[in-house]
């Protein structure tokens, strides 16, 4: 089964193992342009024939995907020691734990009172 990978980063080996477990030997289709227009992303996803999507994207893109009815998988990472780490981001070490499904997302803002 094809799984669409929407991220500027390639998956970790542990993430690929988990996708293979979840999707019975997943074929990963890479889209390294997560900052593109949402209509173009949805079109590429649809045309890819993928059955699911992993999205490592800005919050605004997740909101738009949700509005389009796409509920992507999101990697859950945990902070860890350097020895346990699979990746380092900004001096912090992380290890992949599992994928989670985005069920819903919304952004609610409030204007600041300027005095």
Protein backbone atom coordinates (compact mmCIF):
# COMPACT_ATOMS: atom_id res chain seq x y z
CA UNK A 1 0.00 0.00 0.00
CA UNK A 2 1.17 3.50 -0.76
CA UNK A 3 1.60 6.03 2.02
CA UNK A 4 2.13 9.70 1.18
CA UNK A 5 4.96 11.39 3.12
CA UNK A 6 4.43 15.17 3.27
CA UNK A 7 7.57 16.63 4.81
CA UNK A 8 10.80 18.30 3.86
CA UNK A 9 12.52 15.57 5.93
CA UNK A 10 12.95 11.91 5.01
CA UNK A 11 11.48 9.37 7.46
CA UNK A 12 13.57 7.79 10.18
CA UNK A 13 14.29 4.06 9.91
CA UNK A 14 11.99 3.45 12.89
CA UNK A 15 9.20 5.38 11.17
CA UNK A 16 9.60 3.31 8.01
CA UNK A 17 9.48 0.12 10.09
CA UNK A 18 6.26 1.28 11.73
CA UNK A 19 4.69 2.22 8.39
CA UNK A 20 5.60 -1.22 7.06
CA UNK A 21 3.97 -2.80 10.11
CA UNK A 22 0.83 -0.67 9.83
CA UNK A 23 0.42 -0.91 6.06
CA UNK A 24 1.90 -4.33 5.26
CA UNK A 25 5.07 -3.34 3.37
CA UNK A 26 4.25 0.29 2.69
CA UNK A 27 5.48 2.02 -0.44
CA UNK A 28 6.29 5.59 0.61
CA UNK A 29 5.54 8.37 -1.87
CA UNK A 30 7.58 11.45 -0.99
CA UNK A 31 6.37 15.04 -1.33
CA UNK A 32 9.08 17.39 -0.15
CA UNK A 33 7.06 20.53 -0.81
CA UNK A 34 4.82 20.87 2.28
CA UNK A 35 4.65 24.65 1.93
CA UNK A 36 2.88 24.53 -1.44
CA UNK A 37 -0.71 25.63 -2.04
CA UNK A 38 -3.08 23.24 -0.25
CA UNK A 39 -5.01 22.51 -3.47
CA UNK A 40 -1.78 21.36 -5.13
CA UNK A 41 -0.89 19.17 -2.14
CA UNK A 42 -4.35 17.56 -2.14
CA UNK A 43 -4.14 17.01 -5.91
CA UNK A 44 -0.71 15.34 -5.67
CA UNK A 45 -1.91 13.19 -2.76
CA UNK A 46 -5.03 12.10 -4.64
CA UNK A 47 -3.12 11.40 -7.85
CA UNK A 48 -0.46 9.39 -5.99
CA UNK A 49 -2.91 6.60 -5.20
CA UNK A 50 -1.77 6.59 -1.58
CA UNK A 51 -4.17 5.20 1.03
CA UNK A 52 -2.91 7.45 3.81
CA UNK A 53 -0.70 10.44 4.54
CA UNK A 54 2.00 11.25 7.08
CA UNK A 55 2.28 15.01 7.53
CA UNK A 56 5.16 16.81 9.23
CA UNK A 57 4.07 20.31 8.37
CA UNK A 58 3.29 23.68 9.93
CA UNK A 59 0.09 24.02 11.94
CA UNK A 60 -1.51 26.14 9.21
CA UNK A 61 -1.08 23.28 6.70
CA UNK A 62 -2.59 20.77 9.16
CA UNK A 63 -5.61 23.06 9.54
CA UNK A 64 -6.04 23.23 5.75
CA UNK A 65 -5.64 19.45 5.34
CA UNK A 66 -8.31 18.97 8.01
CA UNK A 67 -10.61 21.39 6.18
CA UNK A 68 -10.11 19.26 3.04
CA UNK A 69 -11.16 16.15 4.96
CA UNK A 70 -7.67 14.67 5.16
CA UNK A 71 -6.79 13.22 8.57
CA UNK A 72 -3.06 12.52 8.31
CA UNK A 73 -0.82 10.51 10.56
CA UNK A 74 1.53 12.55 12.72
CA UNK A 75 4.71 11.12 14.24
CA UNK A 76 4.81 11.22 18.02
CA UNK A 77 8.32 11.90 19.27
CA UNK A 78 9.71 12.00 22.79
CA UNK A 79 12.66 13.86 24.21
CA UNK A 80 15.51 11.58 25.17
CA UNK A 81 19.21 11.41 25.90
CA UNK A 82 21.79 11.77 23.18
CA UNK A 83 22.50 8.04 23.35
CA UNK A 84 18.83 7.11 22.71
CA UNK A 85 18.26 9.79 20.07
CA UNK A 86 17.33 9.21 16.46
CA UNK A 87 17.32 12.90 15.65
CA UNK A 88 18.56 16.18 17.06
CA UNK A 89 16.65 19.41 16.57
CA UNK A 90 17.90 22.69 18.00
CA UNK A 91 20.13 21.00 20.56
CA UNK A 92 17.31 18.72 21.79
CA UNK A 93 17.34 14.96 21.21
CA UNK A 94 14.26 12.99 20.11
CA UNK A 95 13.20 9.43 19.49
CA UNK A 96 10.20 8.24 17.47
CA UNK A 97 7.45 6.60 19.57
CA UNK A 98 4.48 5.95 17.25
CA UNK A 99 2.14 7.53 14.73
CA UNK A 100 -1.08 9.20 15.81
CA UNK A 101 -4.08 10.13 13.66
CA UNK A 102 -5.11 13.78 13.44
CA UNK A 103 -8.81 13.71 14.29
CA UNK A 104 -9.53 17.41 14.37
CA UNK A 105 -7.72 20.70 14.63
CA UNK A 106 -8.78 24.27 14.95
CA UNK A 107 -7.08 27.54 15.65
CA UNK A 108 -8.84 30.08 17.80
CA UNK A 109 -7.27 33.50 18.23
CA UNK A 110 -8.08 36.53 20.27
CA UNK A 111 -7.04 40.09 19.53
CA UNK A 112 -4.81 41.68 22.10
CA UNK A 113 -6.00 44.76 23.93
CA UNK A 114 -3.61 47.58 23.19
CA UNK A 115 -3.39 50.21 25.88
